[in-house]
Amino acid sequence: MKRFAMQKLLEWKADSHRLPLIIRGARQVGKTWLMKEFGRNYFEKCAYINFDRNKRMEQLFSGDFNVDRILTGLAIESDVEIDPENTLIILDEIQEVPSALQSLKYFCEDEKHSYYIVAAGSLLGIAMHQGTSFPVGKVDSMDLYPLSFTEFLDATGNAPLLELLRKADFEMIAAFKDKYIDLLKTYYYVGGMPAAVSAYAESKNLKIVRRIQKRLISDYEQDFSKHAPTAVIPRIQMVWDGIPSQLAKEHKKFVYSVLREGARAKDFELAIQWLIDCGLCYKVGRVTKGGIPLKAYRDIPAFKLYLSDVGLLAAMTDLDAKTLLTGNAIFTEFKGALTEQYICQQLYAELDTVPYYWSAESSSGEVDFVLQHSGQVIPLEVKAEENLNAKSLKSFVNAYQLAYGVRTSMSDYRDQEKLVNLPLYAISLLWYVCDEKYQKHKSES
């Protein structure tokens, strides 16, 4: 299985000014596999140390932060002679020994060598949020997400279809539209968790995929009771269980009273932050205006909450394969929730951007996602089917005098005057399409 994040690791390796690298992400998104694969393929030696329930490492890092002493201990623990010039040092589940996280500062400041150190932890975000001493300015970081749709294409033996996307050959893409749509529906079911994708690639058995997803959900819920503050556990579970029903609403703004009658923000803020910190969900904030920078116009109390993976959303709602792949009237309404979840996931994993959304103050108008790219505000409307209507999108474009807006649906690529339709299965081309449209707009104005 290929992960496109490997390219980021190679760029980090080639940087002569590299800092120790921290890889963040939820449990089971493939952090350990990625680090080991990186070491195996691109280094002469790889020293792997797992800090989970490792008393020796707790003792090693409880002393002073002398780099030579620590390296000696890491070499003994990993049974690998560490040569800074050609050895990748992997510190896995580093949040279990907070002083090890703090020690990265001293590796960074060592004037003798520039070390190749990557660290990861499934609950690293929580550890940092709880006040663990963090080496600010002394480390780089990278987020790892479930497999994107393009990674899914590659993993399931559809490299030719992936290559068409990379070439942005929309005429050929349209010719194979039926294949892309079938694969996209399958991705809605399987999602991007590596274990689920691997099982599907090997067996094509969706029942096995669902069992894996249910096990992952159960593991996550056990993490609530193991790692979260006792008083917050019931509220974390309520938020977690409530995300599918929140997304099923026509307007998907998170409403606390859906969880419990009379509930208020202060009752659930810690629970929501806990889920965000451990990488299990995305919080998409509302903006009041389509201006640069978007963050300046954020309406902090208003937000939407999405899961980290579309396949997990399908599993939590017990959507069966037949309903998802062939569709029926009962499923029509929830299809929009799955589609928005899919797009949100790709915006983070594929396009490396932080999305917002917009809704009108005094009407039902809403734009599903609002993005910032190369000095542009880009409104993005999401439609589950071949829908060419875009009333809210057009209103937003006109209200803030934007050059264009983007709608993504099952319809083919279309470039209209102030509107671009991008197929859902080609969302990886969003920045390419936006840059092309912007250049065209500049030449015509």
Protein backbone atom coordinates (compact mmCIF):
# COMPACT_ATOMS: atom_id res chain seq x y z
CA MET A 1 0.00 0.00 0.00
CA LYS A 2 1.36 3.40 -0.98
CA ARG A 3 0.86 6.49 1.14
CA PHE A 4 1.36 9.82 -0.57
CA ALA A 5 2.64 11.18 2.76
CA MET A 6 5.86 9.33 1.96
CA GLN A 7 6.76 12.17 -0.39
CA LYS A 8 6.56 14.63 2.51
CA LEU A 9 8.92 12.42 4.49
CA LEU A 10 11.38 12.36 1.61
CA GLU A 11 11.27 16.15 1.40
CA TRP A 12 11.94 16.29 5.14
CA LYS A 13 14.89 13.89 4.76
CA ALA A 14 16.41 16.05 2.01
CA ASP A 15 16.14 19.26 4.06
CA SER A 16 19.56 20.11 5.51
CA HIS A 17 17.82 22.24 8.15
CA ARG A 18 15.43 19.51 9.22
CA LEU A 19 14.10 19.34 12.78
CA PRO A 20 12.83 16.23 14.57
CA LEU A 21 9.49 15.37 12.96
CA ILE A 22 6.29 14.57 14.85
CA ILE A 23 3.59 12.65 12.96
CA ARG A 24 0.12 13.22 14.36
CA GLY A 25 -3.00 11.22 13.65
CA ALA A 26 -5.73 9.00 15.08
CA ARG A 27 -5.12 5.41 16.08
CA GLN A 28 -4.84 2.97 13.18
CA VAL A 29 -4.30 5.53 10.39
CA GLY A 30 -0.93 3.95 9.61
CA LYS A 31 1.64 6.08 11.44
CA THR A 32 3.80 3.16 12.60
CA TRP A 33 3.68 1.44 9.21
CA LEU A 34 4.61 4.67 7.42
CA MET A 35 7.59 5.37 9.67
CA LYS A 36 8.92 1.80 9.43
CA GLU A 37 8.43 1.73 5.65
CA PHE A 38 10.28 5.03 5.38
CA GLY A 39 13.18 3.63 7.38
CA ARG A 40 13.26 0.34 5.51
CA ASN A 41 13.31 1.90 2.05
CA TYR A 42 15.36 5.07 2.47
CA PHE A 43 17.90 4.48 5.26
CA GLU A 44 20.75 2.07 5.83
CA LYS A 45 19.52 1.42 9.37
CA CYS A 46 16.33 2.01 11.34
CA ALA A 47 16.18 2.14 15.16
CA TYR A 48 12.57 1.59 16.27
CA ILE A 49 11.55 2.21 19.89
CA ASN A 50 8.00 1.85 21.20
CA PHE A 51 7.33 3.83 24.38
CA ASP A 52 4.02 2.15 25.22
CA ARG A 53 4.33 0.63 28.72
CA ASN A 54 8.10 0.76 28.38
CA LYS A 55 9.60 1.20 31.85
CA ARG A 56 13.16 1.24 30.51
CA MET A 57 12.42 4.27 28.36
CA GLU A 58 10.69 6.02 31.26
CA GLN A 59 13.87 5.54 33.28
CA LEU A 60 16.16 6.56 30.40
CA PHE A 61 14.38 9.89 29.94
CA SER A 62 13.97 10.58 33.65
CA GLY A 63 17.64 11.56 33.88
CA ASP A 64 19.41 14.46 32.24
CA PHE A 65 18.96 15.26 28.56
CA ASN A 66 22.51 14.46 27.51
CA VAL A 67 22.12 13.46 23.86
CA ASP A 68 25.01 10.97 23.83
CA ARG A 69 23.63 9.19 26.90
CA ILE A 70 20.13 9.01 25.40
CA LEU A 71 21.46 7.74 22.06
CA THR A 72 23.33 4.96 23.84
CA GLY A 73 20.10 3.92 25.56
CA LEU A 74 18.10 4.04 22.33
CA ALA A 75 20.74 1.92 20.57
CA ILE A 76 20.58 -0.72 23.30
CA GLU A 77 16.77 -0.73 23.33
CA SER A 78 16.44 -1.03 19.53
CA ASP A 79 19.47 -3.32 19.12
CA VAL A 80 20.68 -1.04 16.31
CA GLU A 81 23.97 0.83 16.28
CA ILE A 82 22.95 4.44 15.65
CA ASP A 83 24.96 6.42 13.15
CA PRO A 84 23.44 9.91 12.85
CA GLU A 85 24.36 10.05 9.15
CA ASN A 86 22.40 7.01 7.99
CA THR A 87 20.03 5.88 10.77
CA LEU A 88 16.36 6.75 11.11
CA ILE A 89 15.36 6.91 14.79
CA ILE A 90 11.65 6.14 15.31
CA LEU A 91 10.07 7.05 18.65
CA ASP A 92 6.59 5.52 18.64
CA GLU A 93 3.82 6.34 21.14
CA ILE A 94 6.10 9.07 22.46
CA GLN A 95 3.29 10.69 24.44
CA GLU A 96 3.61 7.84 26.97
CA VAL A 97 6.91 9.35 28.15
CA PRO A 98 6.43 13.15 28.13
CA SER A 99 10.08 13.80 28.95
CA ALA A 100 11.04 12.02 25.71
CA LEU A 101 8.94 14.56 23.83
CA GLN A 102 10.72 17.34 25.67
CA SER A 103 14.13 15.81 24.80
CA LEU A 104 13.60 16.47 21.09
CA LYS A 105 14.62 20.06 21.79
CA TYR A 106 18.11 18.90 22.72
CA PHE A 107 18.51 16.76 19.63
CA CYS A 108 17.56 19.83 17.61
CA GLU A 109 20.15 21.97 19.39
CA ASP A 110 22.99 19.44 19.09
CA GLU A 111 25.67 21.19 17.02
CA LYS A 112 27.57 18.01 16.18
CA HIS A 113 24.89 16.21 14.14
CA SER A 114 21.60 16.69 12.34
CA TYR A 115 19.60 13.66 13.38
CA TYR A 116 16.91 11.81 11.47
CA ILE A 117 14.24 11.50 14.18
CA VAL A 118 10.54 10.85 13.61
CA ALA A 119 8.10 10.49 16.48
CA ALA A 120 4.43 9.61 16.61
CA GLY A 121 1.63 9.00 19.05
CA SER A 122 -2.02 8.07 18.72
CA LEU A 123 -3.03 10.31 21.61
CA LEU A 124 -0.30 12.88 21.12
CA GLY A 125 -2.80 15.71 20.60
CA ILE A 126 -4.40 14.93 23.96
CA ALA A 127 -1.04 14.78 25.72
CA MET A 128 -0.09 18.20 24.38
CA HIS A 129 -3.49 19.65 25.25
CA GLN A 130 -3.07 18.45 28.85
CA GLY A 131 0.05 20.55 29.27
CA THR A 132 2.90 18.23 28.37
CA SER A 133 6.08 20.26 27.95
CA PHE A 134 6.32 20.69 24.20
CA PRO A 135 9.51 21.75 22.37
CA VAL A 136 7.98 24.74 20.60
CA GLY A 137 10.01 25.83 17.58
CA LYS A 138 12.30 22.81 17.86
CA VAL A 139 10.23 20.25 15.92
CA ASP A 140 8.38 19.96 12.64
CA SER A 141 4.99 18.25 12.46
CA MET A 142 2.94 16.36 9.89
CA ASP A 143 -0.64 15.12 10.05
CA LEU A 144 -1.52 11.67 8.77
CA TYR A 145 -5.13 10.96 7.84
CA PRO A 146 -7.07 7.93 6.59
CA LEU A 147 -6.39 7.14 2.92
CA SER A 148 -7.80 9.72 0.52
CA PHE A 149 -9.89 8.65 -2.48
CA THR A 150 -6.86 8.86 -4.78
CA GLU A 151 -4.85 6.67 -2.39
CA PHE A 152 -7.81 4.27 -2.35
CA LEU A 153 -7.72 4.10 -6.16
CA ASP A 154 -4.04 3.21 -6.05
CA ALA A 155 -4.47 0.64 -3.27
CA THR A 156 -7.31 -1.16 -5.06
CA GLY A 157 -5.49 -1.63 -8.37
CA ASN A 158 -6.97 1.33 -10.24
CA ALA A 159 -3.73 3.11 -11.11
CA PRO A 160 -4.85 3.93 -14.71
CA LEU A 161 -7.89 5.82 -13.38
CA LEU A 162 -5.66 7.61 -10.88
CA GLU A 163 -3.30 8.59 -13.70
CA LEU A 164 -6.20 10.17 -15.65
CA LEU A 165 -6.97 12.30 -12.60
CA ARG A 166 -3.35 13.35 -12.29
CA LYS A 167 -3.33 14.42 -15.93
CA ALA A 168 -6.56 16.40 -15.43
CA ASP A 169 -7.82 14.88 -18.68
CA PHE A 170 -11.48 15.73 -18.13
CA GLU A 171 -12.61 14.38 -21.48
CA MET A 172 -11.19 10.95 -20.70
CA ILE A 173 -12.36 11.18 -17.10
CA ALA A 174 -15.93 11.73 -18.35
CA ALA A 175 -15.62 8.69 -20.64
CA PHE A 176 -14.96 6.49 -17.61
CA LYS A 177 -17.43 8.26 -15.36
CA ASP A 178 -19.31 5.06 -14.47
CA LYS A 179 -16.13 3.44 -13.14
CA TYR A 180 -15.27 6.46 -11.01
CA ILE A 181 -18.79 6.63 -9.58
CA ASP A 182 -18.82 2.93 -8.68
CA LEU A 183 -15.45 3.25 -6.98
CA LEU A 184 -16.54 6.39 -5.14
CA LYS A 185 -19.61 4.61 -3.77
CA THR A 186 -17.36 1.76 -2.66
CA TYR A 187 -15.07 4.29 -0.95
CA TYR A 188 -18.10 5.70 0.89
CA TYR A 189 -18.55 2.20 2.37
CA VAL A 190 -14.91 1.14 2.87
CA GLY A 191 -13.50 4.54 3.76
CA GLY A 192 -9.80 5.15 4.19
CA MET A 193 -8.74 3.32 7.36
CA PRO A 194 -5.73 1.26 6.22
CA ALA A 195 -6.96 -2.03 7.73
CA ALA A 196 -10.33 -1.69 5.99
CA VAL A 197 -8.78 -0.71 2.64
CA SER A 198 -6.25 -3.54 2.82
CA ALA A 199 -8.97 -6.09 3.58
CA TYR A 200 -11.09 -4.85 0.69
CA ALA A 201 -8.15 -4.83 -1.74
CA GLU A 202 -7.32 -8.43 -0.84
CA SER A 203 -10.79 -9.97 -0.58
CA LYS A 204 -13.38 -7.54 -2.03
CA ASN A 205 -15.50 -8.81 0.87
CA LEU A 206 -17.51 -5.94 2.34
CA LYS A 207 -18.62 -8.00 5.34
CA ILE A 208 -15.00 -8.33 6.43
CA VAL A 209 -14.58 -4.58 5.93
CA ARG A 210 -17.55 -3.84 8.16
CA ARG A 211 -16.26 -6.14 10.91
CA ILE A 212 -12.94 -4.26 10.88
CA GLN A 213 -14.73 -0.91 11.04
CA LYS A 214 -16.89 -2.04 13.97
CA ARG A 215 -13.77 -3.23 15.79
CA LEU A 216 -12.08 0.13 15.20
CA ILE A 217 -15.12 1.97 16.54
CA SER A 218 -15.12 -0.28 19.61
CA ASP A 219 -11.39 0.35 20.15
CA TYR A 220 -11.91 4.10 19.95
CA GLU A 221 -14.75 3.92 22.46
CA GLN A 222 -12.56 1.91 24.84
CA ASP A 223 -9.97 4.69 24.54
CA PHE A 224 -12.58 7.07 25.94
CA SER A 225 -12.71 5.15 29.21
CA LYS A 226 -8.95 4.48 29.34
CA HIS A 227 -7.58 7.92 28.59
CA ALA A 228 -10.25 10.60 29.05
CA PRO A 229 -10.97 12.33 32.38
CA THR A 230 -13.62 10.28 34.18
CA ALA A 231 -16.11 13.14 34.45
CA VAL A 232 -15.98 13.80 30.70
CA ILE A 233 -16.32 10.21 29.42
CA PRO A 234 -20.16 10.13 29.22
CA ARG A 235 -20.20 13.42 27.31
CA ILE A 236 -17.50 12.26 24.88
CA GLN A 237 -19.64 9.20 24.16
CA MET A 238 -22.73 11.37 23.65
CA VAL A 239 -20.93 13.66 21.19
CA TRP A 240 -19.43 10.68 19.36
CA ASP A 241 -22.75 8.86 19.09
CA GLY A 242 -24.50 12.08 18.08
CA ILE A 243 -22.33 13.04 15.10
CA PRO A 244 -24.32 10.95 12.54
CA SER A 245 -27.63 12.52 13.61
CA GLN A 246 -26.08 15.99 13.55
CA LEU A 247 -24.91 15.41 9.97
CA ALA A 248 -28.30 14.03 8.95
CA LYS A 249 -29.94 17.41 9.58
CA GLU A 250 -30.61 19.65 6.57
CA HIS A 251 -28.47 22.37 8.14
CA LYS A 252 -25.58 20.58 9.74
CA LYS A 253 -24.56 23.19 12.31
CA PHE A 254 -23.81 21.39 15.56
CA VAL A 255 -26.74 21.80 17.96
CA TYR A 256 -26.12 20.86 21.59
CA SER A 257 -29.79 20.24 22.36
CA VAL A 258 -29.75 17.33 19.90
CA LEU A 259 -27.48 15.57 22.40
CA ARG A 260 -29.50 16.41 25.48
CA GLU A 261 -32.42 18.72 26.13
CA GLY A 262 -31.21 21.99 27.59
CA ALA A 263 -27.54 21.23 26.91
CA ARG A 264 -25.19 24.19 26.49
CA ALA A 265 -21.78 24.72 24.95
CA LYS A 266 -19.91 24.70 28.27
CA ASP A 267 -21.31 21.22 29.01
CA PHE A 268 -19.67 19.66 25.97
CA GLU A 269 -16.68 21.83 25.03
CA LEU A 270 -14.12 19.54 26.69
CA ALA A 271 -15.69 16.42 25.17
CA ILE A 272 -15.57 17.88 21.66
CA GLN A 273 -11.99 19.08 22.12
CA TRP A 274 -10.96 15.62 23.33
CA LEU A 275 -12.30 13.99 20.15
CA ILE A 276 -10.56 16.61 18.01
CA ASP A 277 -7.26 16.23 19.87
CA CYS A 278 -7.16 12.48 19.33
CA GLY A 279 -7.91 12.90 15.61
CA LEU A 280 -11.35 11.31 15.56
CA CYS A 281 -13.27 14.26 14.17
CA TYR A 282 -12.92 17.56 12.32
CA LYS A 283 -14.42 20.82 13.53
CA VAL A 284 -15.44 23.11 10.66
CA GLY A 285 -16.12 26.65 11.83
CA ARG A 286 -18.60 29.14 10.40
CA VAL A 287 -17.47 32.38 8.76
CA THR A 288 -19.70 35.44 8.54
CA LYS A 289 -18.07 36.86 5.43
CA GLY A 290 -16.19 35.78 2.32
CA GLY A 291 -13.08 37.85 3.01
CA ILE A 292 -9.33 37.29 3.38
CA PRO A 293 -8.24 35.98 5.81
CA LEU A 294 -11.20 33.72 6.49
CA LYS A 295 -10.06 33.10 10.05
CA ALA A 296 -10.69 36.76 10.86
CA TYR A 297 -14.39 36.30 10.11
CA ARG A 298 -14.94 33.13 12.09
CA ASP A 299 -18.11 32.89 14.19
CA ILE A 300 -16.52 30.85 16.98
CA PRO A 301 -19.68 29.41 18.65
CA ALA A 302 -21.02 28.02 15.35
CA PHE A 303 -19.47 24.92 13.77
CA LYS A 304 -20.08 21.57 12.11
CA LEU A 305 -18.55 18.33 13.35
CA TYR A 306 -17.47 15.57 10.96
CA LEU A 307 -15.88 12.20 11.62
CA SER A 308 -12.33 11.48 10.48
CA ASP A 309 -13.48 8.84 7.98
CA VAL A 310 -16.50 8.34 5.74
CA GLY A 311 -16.37 4.55 6.11
CA LEU A 312 -16.63 4.86 9.89
CA LEU A 313 -19.67 7.13 9.45
CA ALA A 314 -21.31 4.46 7.25
CA ALA A 315 -20.47 1.81 9.85
CA MET A 316 -21.81 3.86 12.77
CA THR A 317 -25.14 4.24 10.98
CA ASP A 318 -25.20 0.54 9.98
CA LEU A 319 -25.69 1.37 6.31
CA ASP A 320 -25.67 -1.91 4.44
CA ALA A 321 -23.71 -2.32 1.23
CA LYS A 322 -26.76 -2.74 -1.02
CA THR A 323 -28.35 0.52 0.16
CA LEU A 324 -25.10 2.43 -0.19
CA LEU A 325 -24.02 1.03 -3.55
CA THR A 326 -27.41 0.93 -5.30
CA GLY A 327 -29.38 3.50 -3.30
CA ASN A 328 -33.07 3.75 -2.42
CA ALA A 329 -35.60 6.41 -1.48
CA ILE A 330 -35.01 6.02 2.28
CA PHE A 331 -31.29 6.62 1.85
CA THR A 332 -31.61 9.76 -0.32
CA GLU A 333 -31.60 12.25 2.56
CA PHE A 334 -28.55 10.79 4.33
CA LYS A 335 -26.61 10.59 1.07
CA GLY A 336 -25.93 14.31 1.37
CA ALA A 337 -24.36 13.78 4.81
CA LEU A 338 -22.06 11.06 3.48
CA THR A 339 -21.06 13.23 0.54
CA GLU A 340 -20.21 16.23 2.73
CA GLN A 341 -18.26 13.91 5.05
CA TYR A 342 -16.31 12.59 2.04
CA ILE A 343 -15.47 16.09 0.79
CA CYS A 344 -14.43 17.30 4.25
CA GLN A 345 -12.09 14.32 4.55
CA GLN A 346 -10.48 15.02 1.16
CA LEU A 347 -10.01 18.71 1.95
CA TYR A 348 -7.84 17.76 4.91
CA ALA A 349 -6.09 14.65 3.58
CA GLU A 350 -5.73 15.42 -0.12
CA LEU A 351 -5.72 19.21 -0.36
CA ASP A 352 -4.10 20.06 2.98
CA THR A 353 -6.50 22.88 3.78
CA VAL A 354 -8.64 23.97 6.73
CA PRO A 355 -12.25 24.42 5.57
CA TYR A 356 -14.95 26.73 6.93
CA TYR A 357 -18.62 27.06 6.03
CA TRP A 358 -20.96 30.00 5.59
CA SER A 359 -24.62 30.47 6.43
CA ALA A 360 -26.78 33.56 6.08
CA GLU A 361 -27.94 35.40 9.19
CA SER A 362 -31.56 35.85 8.16
CA SER A 363 -32.28 33.21 5.52
CA SER A 364 -31.70 29.54 4.78
CA GLY A 365 -28.77 30.25 2.46
CA GLU A 366 -25.66 28.15 3.15
CA VAL A 367 -22.39 27.29 1.40
CA ASP A 368 -21.12 23.89 2.53
CA PHE A 369 -17.42 24.81 2.58
CA VAL A 370 -15.48 28.05 2.17
CA LEU A 371 -11.76 27.76 1.45
CA GLN A 372 -8.75 30.03 1.20
CA HIS A 373 -6.23 29.32 -1.57
CA SER A 374 -3.50 31.49 -3.12
CA GLY A 375 -5.12 34.71 -1.91
CA GLN A 376 -8.57 33.68 -3.13
CA VAL A 377 -11.76 32.89 -1.27
CA ILE A 378 -13.29 29.79 -2.85
CA PRO A 379 -16.86 28.80 -1.95
CA LEU A 380 -17.51 25.09 -2.49
CA GLU A 381 -21.02 23.68 -2.72
CA VAL A 382 -21.48 19.91 -2.37
CA LYS A 383 -24.25 17.98 -4.11
CA ALA A 384 -24.70 14.22 -3.82
CA GLU A 385 -26.18 13.70 -7.28
CA GLU A 386 -26.11 15.34 -10.73
CA ASN A 387 -27.40 18.63 -9.41
CA LEU A 388 -26.73 21.79 -11.39
CA ASN A 389 -28.58 24.23 -9.14
CA ALA A 390 -26.40 26.55 -7.06
CA LYS A 391 -28.57 29.35 -5.71
CA SER A 392 -26.70 29.89 -2.42
CA LEU A 393 -23.34 29.56 -4.14
CA LYS A 394 -24.20 32.20 -6.76
CA SER A 395 -25.55 34.54 -4.06
CA PHE A 396 -22.32 34.18 -2.07
CA VAL A 397 -20.16 34.83 -5.15
CA ASN A 398 -22.12 37.96 -6.00
CA ALA A 399 -22.37 39.25 -2.42
CA TYR A 400 -18.61 39.21 -1.91
CA GLN A 401 -17.65 40.02 -5.50
CA LEU A 402 -15.72 36.79 -6.01
CA ALA A 403 -14.44 35.70 -9.39
CA TYR A 404 -16.22 32.34 -9.28
CA GLY A 405 -17.52 29.53 -7.12
CA VAL A 406 -17.12 25.75 -7.31
CA ARG A 407 -19.84 23.16 -7.14
CA THR A 408 -18.90 19.49 -6.81
CA SER A 409 -21.43 16.86 -7.84
CA MET A 410 -21.76 13.72 -9.95
CA SER A 411 -22.05 15.94 -13.05
CA ASP A 412 -19.15 16.18 -15.49
CA TYR A 413 -16.60 18.96 -15.40
CA ARG A 414 -18.04 22.27 -16.62
CA ASP A 415 -16.44 25.70 -16.73
CA GLN A 416 -19.15 28.35 -16.82
CA GLU A 417 -18.84 32.11 -16.44
CA LYS A 418 -18.73 32.36 -12.64
CA LEU A 419 -19.17 28.72 -11.78
CA VAL A 420 -17.10 25.57 -12.14
CA ASN A 421 -18.57 22.10 -11.69
CA LEU A 422 -15.99 19.57 -10.53
CA PRO A 423 -16.97 15.88 -10.29
CA LEU A 424 -16.96 14.53 -6.74
CA TYR A 425 -14.52 11.81 -7.73
CA ALA A 426 -12.12 14.46 -9.09
CA ILE A 427 -12.04 16.67 -5.99
CA SER A 428 -8.27 16.08 -5.82
CA LEU A 429 -8.04 18.48 -8.79
CA LEU A 430 -9.67 21.37 -6.94
CA TRP A 431 -6.54 23.54 -6.65
CA TYR A 432 -5.60 22.83 -10.26
CA VAL A 433 -9.08 23.88 -11.43
CA CYS A 434 -9.05 26.99 -9.22
CA ASP A 435 -5.66 28.11 -10.48
CA GLU A 436 -6.74 27.63 -14.09
CA LYS A 437 -9.99 29.51 -13.51
CA TYR A 438 -8.19 32.37 -11.74
CA GLN A 439 -5.68 32.80 -14.57
CA LYS A 440 -8.51 32.79 -17.09
CA HIS A 441 -10.40 35.39 -15.05
CA LYS A 442 -7.30 37.63 -14.85
CA SER A 443 -6.71 37.47 -18.61
CA GLU A 444 -10.32 38.39 -19.35
CA SER A 445 -10.59 41.26 -16.86
